């Protein structure tokens, strides 16, 4: 796995994100509730993290995610195209 110059993201992150986006589209198309899709993805993500990082590393990933929420990054996503999954 290669990391970008500042050491924070693997070079295949964009590809992985595109695959996840397609999986989400598929599940929504199958009529799976958005909260179920999100819960399954989160559970799978935590399982993958647990298999590849120690507890401290997992906690850091979760802290980074929380910091993104607290910084308002999700608010920005809500205004982006194709971000309506699960919204009324």
C-alpha atoms as a PDB file:
ATOM      1  CA  UNK A   1       0.000   0.000   0.000  1.00  0.00           C
ATOM      2  CA  UNK A   2       1.442   3.343  -1.035  1.00  0.00           C
ATOM      3  CA  UNK A   3       0.746   6.540   0.875  1.00  0.00           C
ATOM      4  CA  UNK A   4       0.540  10.063  -0.454  1.00  0.00           C
ATOM      5  CA  UNK A   5       3.469  12.418   0.225  1.00  0.00           C
ATOM      6  CA  UNK A   6       2.132  13.625   3.574  1.00  0.00           C
ATOM      7  CA  UNK A   7       1.548  10.016   4.631  1.00  0.00           C
ATOM      8  CA  UNK A   8      -2.182  10.288   5.269  1.00  0.00           C
ATOM      9  CA  UNK A   9      -4.003   8.473   2.447  1.00  0.00           C
ATOM     10  CA  UNK A  10      -3.308   5.350   0.411  1.00  0.00           C
ATOM     11  CA  UNK A  11      -2.995   5.968  -3.320  1.00  0.00           C
ATOM     12  CA  UNK A  12      -5.894   3.591  -4.053  1.00  0.00           C
ATOM     13  CA  UNK A  13      -8.346   5.417  -1.775  1.00  0.00           C
ATOM     14  CA  UNK A  14     -10.155   7.039  -4.704  1.00  0.00           C
ATOM     15  CA  UNK A  15     -10.685   3.643  -6.365  1.00  0.00           C
ATOM     16  CA  UNK A  16     -11.956   2.109  -3.143  1.00  0.00           C
ATOM     17  CA  UNK A  17     -14.319   5.051  -2.674  1.00  0.00           C
ATOM     18  CA  UNK A  18     -15.733   4.586  -6.185  1.00  0.00           C
ATOM     19  CA  UNK A  19     -16.374   0.898  -5.508  1.00  0.00           C
ATOM     20  CA  UNK A  20     -18.167   1.740  -2.252  1.00  0.00           C
ATOM     21  CA  UNK A  21     -20.263   4.386  -4.035  1.00  0.00           C
ATOM     22  CA  UNK A  22     -21.386   1.766  -6.582  1.00  0.00           C
ATOM     23  CA  UNK A  23     -22.213  -0.676  -3.788  1.00  0.00           C
ATOM     24  CA  UNK A  24     -24.319   1.992  -2.075  1.00  0.00           C
ATOM     25  CA  UNK A  25     -26.158   2.765  -5.319  1.00  0.00           C
ATOM     26  CA  UNK A  26     -26.840  -0.942  -5.790  1.00  0.00           C
ATOM     27  CA  UNK A  27     -28.160  -1.458  -2.256  1.00  0.00           C
ATOM     28  CA  UNK A  28     -30.404   1.614  -2.441  1.00  0.00           C
ATOM     29  CA  UNK A  29     -31.660   0.346  -5.809  1.00  0.00           C
ATOM     30  CA  UNK A  30     -32.514  -2.946  -4.107  1.00  0.00           C
ATOM     31  CA  UNK A  31     -34.720  -1.086  -1.649  1.00  0.00           C
ATOM     32  CA  UNK A  32     -32.426  -1.462   1.352  1.00  0.00           C
ATOM     33  CA  UNK A  33     -33.073   1.328   3.854  1.00  0.00           C
ATOM     34  CA  UNK A  34     -30.333   3.983   3.953  1.00  0.00           C
ATOM     35  CA  UNK A  35     -29.743   3.444   7.685  1.00  0.00           C
ATOM     36  CA  UNK A  36     -29.257  -0.286   7.044  1.00  0.00           C
ATOM     37  CA  UNK A  37     -26.811   0.446   4.230  1.00  0.00           C
ATOM     38  CA  UNK A  38     -24.877   2.862   6.426  1.00  0.00           C
ATOM     39  CA  UNK A  39     -24.880   0.496   9.407  1.00  0.00           C
ATOM     40  CA  UNK A  40     -23.639  -2.412   7.302  1.00  0.00           C
ATOM     41  CA  UNK A  41     -20.893  -0.301   5.760  1.00  0.00           C
ATOM     42  CA  UNK A  42     -19.831   1.035   9.151  1.00  0.00           C
ATOM     43  CA  UNK A  43     -19.762  -2.456  10.646  1.00  0.00           C
ATOM     44  CA  UNK A  44     -17.736  -3.762   7.727  1.00  0.00           C
ATOM     45  CA  UNK A  45     -15.376  -0.821   7.967  1.00  0.00           C
ATOM     46  CA  UNK A  46     -14.794  -1.339  11.663  1.00  0.00           C
ATOM     47  CA  UNK A  47     -14.156  -5.030  11.041  1.00  0.00           C
ATOM     48  CA  UNK A  48     -11.607  -4.207   8.337  1.00  0.00           C
ATOM     49  CA  UNK A  49      -9.911  -1.652  10.575  1.00  0.00           C
ATOM     50  CA  UNK A  50      -9.785  -4.151  13.440  1.00  0.00           C
ATOM     51  CA  UNK A  51      -8.063  -6.677  11.168  1.00  0.00           C
ATOM     52  CA  UNK A  52      -5.483  -4.194   9.897  1.00  0.00           C
ATOM     53  CA  UNK A  53      -4.782  -1.803  12.780  1.00  0.00           C
ATOM     54  CA  UNK A  54      -4.268  -2.034  16.498  1.00  0.00           C
ATOM     55  CA  UNK A  55      -6.825  -0.445  18.831  1.00  0.00           C
ATOM     56  CA  UNK A  56      -4.904   2.813  18.940  1.00  0.00           C
ATOM     57  CA  UNK A  57      -4.958   3.059  15.139  1.00  0.00           C
ATOM     58  CA  UNK A  58      -8.690   2.330  14.991  1.00  0.00           C
ATOM     59  CA  UNK A  59      -9.316   4.981  17.640  1.00  0.00           C
ATOM     60  CA  UNK A  60      -7.310   7.516  15.607  1.00  0.00           C
ATOM     61  CA  UNK A  61      -9.378   6.813  12.484  1.00  0.00           C
ATOM     62  CA  UNK A  62     -12.549   7.317  14.531  1.00  0.00           C
ATOM     63  CA  UNK A  63     -11.179  10.540  16.060  1.00  0.00           C
ATOM     64  CA  UNK A  64     -10.414  11.825  12.552  1.00  0.00           C
ATOM     65  CA  UNK A  65     -13.965  10.987  11.454  1.00  0.00           C
ATOM     66  CA  UNK A  66     -15.424  12.770  14.479  1.00  0.00           C
ATOM     67  CA  UNK A  67     -13.238  15.807  13.810  1.00  0.00           C
ATOM     68  CA  UNK A  68     -14.615  15.918  10.246  1.00  0.00           C
ATOM     69  CA  UNK A  69     -18.179  15.906  11.587  1.00  0.00           C
ATOM     70  CA  UNK A  70     -17.387  18.590  14.148  1.00  0.00           C
ATOM     71  CA  UNK A  71     -15.697  20.717  11.461  1.00  0.00           C
ATOM     72  CA  UNK A  72     -18.912  20.724   9.440  1.00  0.00           C
ATOM     73  CA  UNK A  73     -17.665  18.579   6.583  1.00  0.00           C
ATOM     74  CA  UNK A  74     -20.905  16.574   6.543  1.00  0.00           C
ATOM     75  CA  UNK A  75     -22.865  19.796   6.140  1.00  0.00           C
ATOM     76  CA  UNK A  76     -20.812  20.470   3.001  1.00  0.00           C
ATOM     77  CA  UNK A  77     -21.570  16.956   1.711  1.00  0.00           C
ATOM     78  CA  UNK A  78     -25.310  17.454   2.183  1.00  0.00           C
ATOM     79  CA  UNK A  79     -25.200  20.253  -0.382  1.00  0.00           C
ATOM     80  CA  UNK A  80     -23.200  18.258  -2.933  1.00  0.00           C
ATOM     81  CA  UNK A  81     -24.788  16.479  -5.925  1.00  0.00           C
ATOM     82  CA  UNK A  82     -25.721  12.818  -5.283  1.00  0.00           C
ATOM     83  CA  UNK A  83     -25.642  13.343  -1.529  1.00  0.00           C
ATOM     84  CA  UNK A  84     -29.365  12.802  -1.014  1.00  0.00           C
ATOM     85  CA  UNK A  85     -29.151   9.203   0.127  1.00  0.00           C
ATOM     86  CA  UNK A  86     -31.269   8.941   3.208  1.00  0.00           C
ATOM     87  CA  UNK A  87     -32.512  12.520   3.120  1.00  0.00           C
ATOM     88  CA  UNK A  88     -36.166  13.512   3.055  1.00  0.00           C
END
